[in-house]
PDB file of all heavy atoms in Angstrom:
ATOM      1  N   CYS A   1      -4.291  -9.627 -12.178  1.00  0.00           N
ATOM      2  CA  CYS A   1      -5.729  -9.873 -12.074  1.00  0.00           C
ATOM      3  C   CYS A   1      -6.372  -8.631 -11.468  1.00  0.00           C
ATOM      4  O   CYS A   1      -5.765  -7.956 -10.629  1.00  0.00           O
ATOM      5  CB  CYS A   1      -6.024 -11.090 -11.201  1.00  0.00           C
ATOM      6  SG  CYS A   1      -5.505 -12.651 -11.913  1.00  0.00           S
ATOM      7  N   PHE A   2      -7.607  -8.363 -11.874  1.00  0.00           N
ATOM      8  CA  PHE A   2      -8.237  -7.111 -11.465  1.00  0.00           C
ATOM      9  C   PHE A   2      -9.653  -7.344 -10.969  1.00  0.00           C
ATOM     10  O   PHE A   2     -10.371  -8.223 -11.452  1.00  0.00           O
ATOM     11  CB  PHE A   2      -8.282  -6.122 -12.639  1.00  0.00           C
ATOM     12  CG  PHE A   2      -6.943  -5.801 -13.218  1.00  0.00           C
ATOM     13  CD1 PHE A   2      -6.447  -6.522 -14.306  1.00  0.00           C
ATOM     14  CD2 PHE A   2      -6.159  -4.799 -12.680  1.00  0.00           C
ATOM     15  CE1 PHE A   2      -5.212  -6.237 -14.839  1.00  0.00           C
ATOM     16  CE2 PHE A   2      -4.914  -4.507 -13.214  1.00  0.00           C
ATOM     17  CZ  PHE A   2      -4.440  -5.221 -14.305  1.00  0.00           C
ATOM     18  N   GLN A   3     -10.015  -6.564  -9.975  1.00  0.00           N
ATOM     19  CA  GLN A   3     -11.403  -6.338  -9.602  1.00  0.00           C
ATOM     20  C   GLN A   3     -11.650  -4.839  -9.686  1.00  0.00           C
ATOM     21  O   GLN A   3     -10.759  -4.071 -10.035  1.00  0.00           O
ATOM     22  CB  GLN A   3     -11.683  -6.867  -8.194  1.00  0.00           C
ATOM     23  CG  GLN A   3     -11.735  -8.379  -8.106  1.00  0.00           C
ATOM     24  CD  GLN A   3     -12.090  -8.867  -6.715  1.00  0.00           C
ATOM     25  OE1 GLN A   3     -12.139  -8.096  -5.753  1.00  0.00           O
ATOM     26  NE2 GLN A   3     -12.347 -10.166  -6.583  1.00  0.00           N
ATOM     27  N   LYS A   4     -12.849  -4.449  -9.336  1.00  0.00           N
ATOM     28  CA  LYS A   4     -13.177  -3.040  -9.502  1.00  0.00           C
ATOM     29  C   LYS A   4     -12.273  -2.137  -8.659  1.00  0.00           C
ATOM     30  O   LYS A   4     -11.879  -1.055  -9.089  1.00  0.00           O
ATOM     31  CB  LYS A   4     -14.631  -2.805  -9.128  1.00  0.00           C
ATOM     32  CG  LYS A   4     -15.112  -1.379  -9.378  1.00  0.00           C
ATOM     33  CD  LYS A   4     -16.619  -1.270  -9.283  1.00  0.00           C
ATOM     34  CE  LYS A   4     -17.127  -1.663  -7.927  1.00  0.00           C
ATOM     35  NZ  LYS A   4     -18.591  -1.456  -7.804  1.00  0.00           N
ATOM     36  N   ASP A   5     -11.910  -2.592  -7.447  1.00  0.00           N
ATOM     37  CA  ASP A   5     -11.120  -1.764  -6.552  1.00  0.00           C
ATOM     38  C   ASP A   5      -9.779  -2.384  -6.165  1.00  0.00           C
ATOM     39  O   ASP A   5      -8.963  -1.718  -5.549  1.00  0.00           O
ATOM     40  CB  ASP A   5     -11.896  -1.482  -5.255  1.00  0.00           C
ATOM     41  CG  ASP A   5     -13.136  -0.657  -5.510  1.00  0.00           C
ATOM     42  OD1 ASP A   5     -13.054   0.271  -6.324  1.00  0.00           O
ATOM     43  OD2 ASP A   5     -14.180  -0.950  -4.899  1.00  0.00           O
ATOM     44  N   VAL A   6      -9.567  -3.629  -6.510  1.00  0.00           N
ATOM     45  CA  VAL A   6      -8.380  -4.342  -6.051  1.00  0.00           C
ATOM     46  C   VAL A   6      -7.598  -4.874  -7.244  1.00  0.00           C
ATOM     47  O   VAL A   6      -8.185  -5.372  -8.204  1.00  0.00           O
ATOM     48  CB  VAL A   6      -8.752  -5.506  -5.107  1.00  0.00           C
ATOM     49  CG1 VAL A   6      -7.503  -6.111  -4.481  1.00  0.00           C
ATOM     50  CG2 VAL A   6      -9.702  -5.037  -4.014  1.00  0.00           C
ATOM     51  N   THR A   7      -6.281  -4.757  -7.154  1.00  0.00           N
ATOM     52  CA  THR A   7      -5.384  -5.298  -8.173  1.00  0.00           C
ATOM     53  C   THR A   7      -4.482  -6.339  -7.539  1.00  0.00           C
ATOM     54  O   THR A   7      -3.939  -6.129  -6.452  1.00  0.00           O
ATOM     55  CB  THR A   7      -4.526  -4.183  -8.797  1.00  0.00           C
ATOM     56  OG1 THR A   7      -5.388  -3.198  -9.373  1.00  0.00           O
ATOM     57  CG2 THR A   7      -3.614  -4.739  -9.871  1.00  0.00           C
ATOM     58  N   LEU A   8      -4.316  -7.454  -8.252  1.00  0.00           N
ATOM     59  CA  LEU A   8      -3.495  -8.562  -7.775  1.00  0.00           C
ATOM     60  C   LEU A   8      -2.436  -8.866  -8.824  1.00  0.00           C
ATOM     61  O   LEU A   8      -2.723  -8.882 -10.019  1.00  0.00           O
ATOM     62  CB  LEU A   8      -4.384  -9.789  -7.553  1.00  0.00           C
ATOM     63  CG  LEU A   8      -3.819 -10.973  -6.777  1.00  0.00           C
ATOM     64  CD1 LEU A   8      -3.506 -10.578  -5.352  1.00  0.00           C
ATOM     65  CD2 LEU A   8      -4.822 -12.118  -6.794  1.00  0.00           C
ATOM     66  N   VAL A   9      -1.199  -9.071  -8.377  1.00  0.00           N
ATOM     67  CA  VAL A   9      -0.117  -9.365  -9.303  1.00  0.00           C
ATOM     68  C   VAL A   9       0.709 -10.515  -8.758  1.00  0.00           C
ATOM     69  O   VAL A   9       0.951 -10.619  -7.557  1.00  0.00           O
ATOM     70  CB  VAL A   9       0.770  -8.122  -9.548  1.00  0.00           C
ATOM     71  CG1 VAL A   9       1.439  -7.671  -8.253  1.00  0.00           C
ATOM     72  CG2 VAL A   9       1.824  -8.407 -10.606  1.00  0.00           C
ATOM     73  N   SER A  10       1.128 -11.386  -9.665  1.00  0.00           N
ATOM     74  CA  SER A  10       2.032 -12.492  -9.338  1.00  0.00           C
ATOM     75  C   SER A  10       3.308 -12.282 -10.142  1.00  0.00           C
ATOM     76  O   SER A  10       3.296 -12.327 -11.369  1.00  0.00           O
ATOM     77  CB  SER A  10       1.385 -13.831  -9.686  1.00  0.00           C
ATOM     78  OG  SER A  10       2.290 -14.892  -9.509  1.00  0.00           O
ATOM     79  N   TYR A  11       4.395 -12.068  -9.434  1.00  0.00           N
ATOM     80  CA  TYR A  11       5.680 -11.770 -10.076  1.00  0.00           C
ATOM     81  C   TYR A  11       6.646 -12.917  -9.821  1.00  0.00           C
ATOM     82  O   TYR A  11       6.773 -13.409  -8.700  1.00  0.00           O
ATOM     83  CB  TYR A  11       6.250 -10.460  -9.528  1.00  0.00           C
ATOM     84  CG  TYR A  11       7.662 -10.179  -9.958  1.00  0.00           C
ATOM     85  CD1 TYR A  11       7.956  -9.823 -11.266  1.00  0.00           C
ATOM     86  CD2 TYR A  11       8.705 -10.270  -9.041  1.00  0.00           C
ATOM     87  CE1 TYR A  11       9.260  -9.563 -11.657  1.00  0.00           C
ATOM     88  CE2 TYR A  11      10.013 -10.009  -9.425  1.00  0.00           C
ATOM     89  CZ  TYR A  11      10.282  -9.656 -10.732  1.00  0.00           C
ATOM     90  OH  TYR A  11      11.578  -9.404 -11.117  1.00  0.00           O
ATOM     91  N   ALA A  12       7.327 -13.354 -10.889  1.00  0.00           N
ATOM     92  CA  ALA A  12       8.289 -14.443 -10.789  1.00  0.00           C
ATOM     93  C   ALA A  12       9.699 -13.863 -10.757  1.00  0.00           C
ATOM     94  O   ALA A  12      10.197 -13.363 -11.766  1.00  0.00           O
ATOM     95  CB  ALA A  12       8.144 -15.399 -11.970  1.00  0.00           C
ATOM     96  N   PRO A  13      10.379 -13.882  -9.604  1.00  0.00           N
ATOM     97  CA  PRO A  13      11.757 -13.394  -9.546  1.00  0.00           C
ATOM     98  C   PRO A  13      12.718 -14.405 -10.165  1.00  0.00           C
ATOM     99  O   PRO A  13      12.305 -15.423 -10.722  1.00  0.00           O
ATOM    100  CB  PRO A  13      12.000 -13.226  -8.038  1.00  0.00           C
ATOM    101  CG  PRO A  13      11.078 -14.212  -7.414  1.00  0.00           C
ATOM    102  CD  PRO A  13       9.868 -14.320  -8.305  1.00  0.00           C
ATOM    103  N   LYS A  14      14.002 -14.143 -10.027  1.00  0.00           N
ATOM    104  CA  LYS A  14      14.998 -15.032 -10.629  1.00  0.00           C
ATOM    105  C   LYS A  14      15.028 -16.390  -9.950  1.00  0.00           C
ATOM    106  O   LYS A  14      15.393 -17.389 -10.565  1.00  0.00           O
ATOM    107  CB  LYS A  14      16.376 -14.374 -10.571  1.00  0.00           C
ATOM    108  CG  LYS A  14      16.533 -13.201 -11.533  1.00  0.00           C
ATOM    109  CD  LYS A  14      17.955 -12.680 -11.521  1.00  0.00           C
ATOM    110  CE  LYS A  14      18.117 -11.556 -12.536  1.00  0.00           C
ATOM    111  NZ  LYS A  14      19.502 -11.023 -12.561  1.00  0.00           N
ATOM    112  N   LYS A  15      14.683 -16.424  -8.679  1.00  0.00           N
ATOM    113  CA  LYS A  15      14.701 -17.696  -7.958  1.00  0.00           C
ATOM    114  C   LYS A  15      13.639 -18.622  -8.518  1.00  0.00           C
ATOM    115  O   LYS A  15      12.489 -18.261  -8.693  1.00  0.00           O
ATOM    116  CB  LYS A  15      14.455 -17.457  -6.464  1.00  0.00           C
ATOM    117  CG  LYS A  15      14.679 -18.680  -5.613  1.00  0.00           C
ATOM    118  CD  LYS A  15      14.544 -18.331  -4.136  1.00  0.00           C
ATOM    119  CE  LYS A  15      14.776 -19.554  -3.269  1.00  0.00           C
ATOM    120  NZ  LYS A  15      14.658 -19.247  -1.829  1.00  0.00           N
ATOM    121  N   LYS A  16      14.017 -19.865  -8.782  1.00  0.00           N
ATOM    122  CA  LYS A  16      13.108 -20.820  -9.394  1.00  0.00           C
ATOM    123  C   LYS A  16      12.025 -21.253  -8.401  1.00  0.00           C
ATOM    124  O   LYS A  16      12.226 -21.269  -7.193  1.00  0.00           O
ATOM    125  CB  LYS A  16      13.882 -22.045  -9.879  1.00  0.00           C
ATOM    126  CG  LYS A  16      14.837 -21.756 -11.036  1.00  0.00           C
ATOM    127  CD  LYS A  16      15.512 -23.029 -11.505  1.00  0.00           C
ATOM    128  CE  LYS A  16      16.433 -22.748 -12.680  1.00  0.00           C
ATOM    129  NZ  LYS A  16      17.115 -23.974 -13.151  1.00  0.00           N
ATOM    130  N   ASN A  17      10.887 -21.624  -8.975  1.00  0.00           N
ATOM    131  CA  ASN A  17       9.759 -22.160  -8.199  1.00  0.00           C
ATOM    132  C   ASN A  17       9.342 -21.218  -7.068  1.00  0.00           C
ATOM    133  O   ASN A  17       9.085 -21.642  -5.944  1.00  0.00           O
ATOM    134  CB  ASN A  17      10.103 -23.539  -7.632  1.00  0.00           C
ATOM    135  CG  ASN A  17      10.387 -24.550  -8.724  1.00  0.00           C
ATOM    136  OD1 ASN A  17       9.777 -24.516  -9.796  1.00  0.00           O
ATOM    137  ND2 ASN A  17      11.322 -25.453  -8.473  1.00  0.00           N
ATOM    138  N   LYS A  18       9.287 -19.949  -7.382  1.00  0.00           N
ATOM    139  CA  LYS A  18       8.863 -18.971  -6.400  1.00  0.00           C
ATOM    140  C   LYS A  18       8.122 -17.848  -7.100  1.00  0.00           C
ATOM    141  O   LYS A  18       8.515 -17.426  -8.191  1.00  0.00           O
ATOM    142  CB  LYS A  18      10.062 -18.405  -5.631  1.00  0.00           C
ATOM    143  CG  LYS A  18       9.666 -17.378  -4.570  1.00  0.00           C
ATOM    144  CD  LYS A  18      10.879 -16.822  -3.857  1.00  0.00           C
ATOM    145  CE  LYS A  18      10.462 -15.775  -2.834  1.00  0.00           C
ATOM    146  NZ  LYS A  18      11.638 -15.190  -2.137  1.00  0.00           N
ATOM    147  N   VAL A  19       7.041 -17.382  -6.485  1.00  0.00           N
ATOM    148  CA  VAL A  19       6.315 -16.224  -6.983  1.00  0.00           C
ATOM    149  C   VAL A  19       6.051 -15.280  -5.820  1.00  0.00           C
ATOM    150  O   VAL A  19       5.870 -15.702  -4.681  1.00  0.00           O
ATOM    151  CB  VAL A  19       4.977 -16.620  -7.655  1.00  0.00           C
ATOM    152  CG1 VAL A  19       5.209 -17.330  -8.957  1.00  0.00           C
ATOM    153  CG2 VAL A  19       4.117 -17.442  -6.715  1.00  0.00           C
ATOM    154  N   VAL A  20       6.071 -13.996  -6.123  1.00  0.00           N
ATOM    155  CA  VAL A  20       5.756 -12.958  -5.144  1.00  0.00           C
ATOM    156  C   VAL A  20       4.396 -12.386  -5.505  1.00  0.00           C
ATOM    157  O   VAL A  20       4.201 -11.900  -6.621  1.00  0.00           O
ATOM    158  CB  VAL A  20       6.822 -11.854  -5.138  1.00  0.00           C
ATOM    159  CG1 VAL A  20       6.461 -10.773  -4.144  1.00  0.00           C
ATOM    160  CG2 VAL A  20       8.190 -12.439  -4.827  1.00  0.00           C
ATOM    161  N   ILE A  21       3.456 -12.460  -4.564  1.00  0.00           N
ATOM    162  CA  ILE A  21       2.076 -12.033  -4.832  1.00  0.00           C
ATOM    163  C   ILE A  21       1.785 -10.798  -3.998  1.00  0.00           C
ATOM    164  O   ILE A  21       1.929 -10.814  -2.772  1.00  0.00           O
ATOM    165  CB  ILE A  21       1.078 -13.158  -4.507  1.00  0.00           C
ATOM    166  CG1 ILE A  21       1.368 -14.373  -5.389  1.00  0.00           C
ATOM    167  CG2 ILE A  21      -0.346 -12.686  -4.705  1.00  0.00           C
ATOM    168  CD1 ILE A  21       0.521 -15.572  -5.070  1.00  0.00           C
ATOM    169  N   ALA A  22       1.395  -9.727  -4.652  1.00  0.00           N
ATOM    170  CA  ALA A  22       1.072  -8.473  -3.987  1.00  0.00           C
ATOM    171  C   ALA A  22      -0.358  -8.071  -4.332  1.00  0.00           C
ATOM    172  O   ALA A  22      -0.847  -8.335  -5.435  1.00  0.00           O
ATOM    173  CB  ALA A  22       2.041  -7.372  -4.397  1.00  0.00           C
ATOM    174  N   MET A  23      -1.009  -7.427  -3.365  1.00  0.00           N
ATOM    175  CA  MET A  23      -2.391  -6.982  -3.523  1.00  0.00           C
ATOM    176  C   MET A  23      -2.447  -5.497  -3.179  1.00  0.00           C
ATOM    177  O   MET A  23      -1.793  -5.050  -2.234  1.00  0.00           O
ATOM    178  CB  MET A  23      -3.297  -7.786  -2.583  1.00  0.00           C
ATOM    179  CG  MET A  23      -4.785  -7.616  -2.833  1.00  0.00           C
ATOM    180  SD  MET A  23      -5.763  -8.560  -1.609  1.00  0.00           S
ATOM    181  CE  MET A  23      -5.170 -10.216  -1.917  1.00  0.00           C
ATOM    182  N   SER A  24      -3.206  -4.728  -3.948  1.00  0.00           N
ATOM    183  CA  SER A  24      -3.226  -3.284  -3.744  1.00  0.00           C
ATOM    184  C   SER A  24      -4.565  -2.702  -4.138  1.00  0.00           C
ATOM    185  O   SER A  24      -5.188  -3.137  -5.111  1.00  0.00           O
ATOM    186  CB  SER A  24      -2.105  -2.612  -4.549  1.00  0.00           C
ATOM    187  OG  SER A  24      -2.164  -1.209  -4.433  1.00  0.00           O
ATOM    188  N   THR A  25      -5.008  -1.709  -3.368  1.00  0.00           N
ATOM    189  CA  THR A  25      -6.160  -0.889  -3.755  1.00  0.00           C
ATOM    190  C   THR A  25      -5.728   0.493  -4.209  1.00  0.00           C
ATOM    191  O   THR A  25      -6.574   1.339  -4.485  1.00  0.00           O
ATOM    192  CB  THR A  25      -7.143  -0.755  -2.576  1.00  0.00           C
ATOM    193  OG1 THR A  25      -6.448  -0.196  -1.442  1.00  0.00           O
ATOM    194  CG2 THR A  25      -7.713  -2.108  -2.185  1.00  0.00           C
ATOM    195  N   LEU A  26      -4.410   0.715  -4.271  1.00  0.00           N
ATOM    196  CA  LEU A  26      -3.875   1.984  -4.756  1.00  0.00           C
ATOM    197  C   LEU A  26      -3.583   1.934  -6.243  1.00  0.00           C
ATOM    198  O   LEU A  26      -3.737   2.930  -6.953  1.00  0.00           O
ATOM    199  CB  LEU A  26      -2.600   2.335  -3.976  1.00  0.00           C
ATOM    200  CG  LEU A  26      -1.825   3.561  -4.425  1.00  0.00           C
ATOM    201  CD1 LEU A  26      -2.666   4.826  -4.233  1.00  0.00           C
ATOM    202  CD2 LEU A  26      -0.510   3.677  -3.675  1.00  0.00           C
ATOM    203  N   HIS A  27      -3.172   0.780  -6.762  1.00  0.00           N
ATOM    204  CA  HIS A  27      -2.800   0.628  -8.169  1.00  0.00           C
ATOM    205  C   HIS A  27      -3.957  -0.020  -8.929  1.00  0.00           C
ATOM    206  O   HIS A  27      -4.602  -0.943  -8.432  1.00  0.00           O
ATOM    207  CB  HIS A  27      -1.547  -0.233  -8.292  1.00  0.00           C
ATOM    208  CG  HIS A  27      -0.382   0.303  -7.512  1.00  0.00           C
ATOM    209  ND1 HIS A  27      -0.225   0.081  -6.160  1.00  0.00           N
ATOM    210  CD2 HIS A  27       0.680   1.062  -7.901  1.00  0.00           C
ATOM    211  CE1 HIS A  27       0.879   0.667  -5.742  1.00  0.00           C
ATOM    212  NE2 HIS A  27       1.449   1.274  -6.777  1.00  0.00           N
ATOM    213  N   HIS A  28      -4.179   0.458 -10.163  1.00  0.00           N
ATOM    214  CA  HIS A  28      -5.314  -0.015 -10.961  1.00  0.00           C
ATOM    215  C   HIS A  28      -4.908  -0.355 -12.394  1.00  0.00           C
ATOM    216  O   HIS A  28      -5.733  -0.328 -13.292  1.00  0.00           O
ATOM    217  CB  HIS A  28      -6.428   1.044 -10.973  1.00  0.00           C
ATOM    218  CG  HIS A  28      -6.849   1.489  -9.614  1.00  0.00           C
ATOM    219  ND1 HIS A  28      -7.670   0.741  -8.799  1.00  0.00           N
ATOM    220  CD2 HIS A  28      -6.530   2.601  -8.912  1.00  0.00           C
ATOM    221  CE1 HIS A  28      -7.862   1.381  -7.658  1.00  0.00           C
ATOM    222  NE2 HIS A  28      -7.172   2.513  -7.708  1.00  0.00           N
ATOM    223  N   ASP A  29      -3.649  -0.664 -12.607  1.00  0.00           N
ATOM    224  CA  ASP A  29      -3.189  -0.982 -13.954  1.00  0.00           C
ATOM    225  C   ASP A  29      -2.093  -2.039 -13.858  1.00  0.00           C
ATOM    226  O   ASP A  29      -1.754  -2.520 -12.777  1.00  0.00           O
ATOM    227  CB  ASP A  29      -2.689   0.275 -14.680  1.00  0.00           C
ATOM    228  CG  ASP A  29      -1.687   1.059 -13.838  1.00  0.00           C
ATOM    229  OD1 ASP A  29      -0.877   0.422 -13.139  1.00  0.00           O
ATOM    230  OD2 ASP A  29      -1.704   2.302 -13.881  1.00  0.00           O
ATOM    231  N   ASP A  30      -1.547  -2.402 -15.021  1.00  0.00           N
ATOM    232  CA  ASP A  30      -0.516  -3.447 -15.079  1.00  0.00           C
ATOM    233  C   ASP A  30       0.843  -2.867 -15.475  1.00  0.00           C
ATOM    234  O   ASP A  30       1.595  -3.465 -16.231  1.00  0.00           O
ATOM    235  CB  ASP A  30      -0.928  -4.538 -16.074  1.00  0.00           C
ATOM    236  CG  ASP A  30      -1.255  -3.956 -17.450  1.00  0.00           C
ATOM    237  OD1 ASP A  30      -1.216  -2.711 -17.592  1.00  0.00           O
ATOM    238  OD2 ASP A  30      -1.543  -4.745 -18.371  1.00  0.00           O
TER     239      ASP A  30
END
């Protein structure tokens, strides 16, 4: 997900029923 200055990502690792959510103003792409 993107805003003008902030990028948000939800990553699903191998473990079931778990997501890792990271937020960054350094990265602007997927």
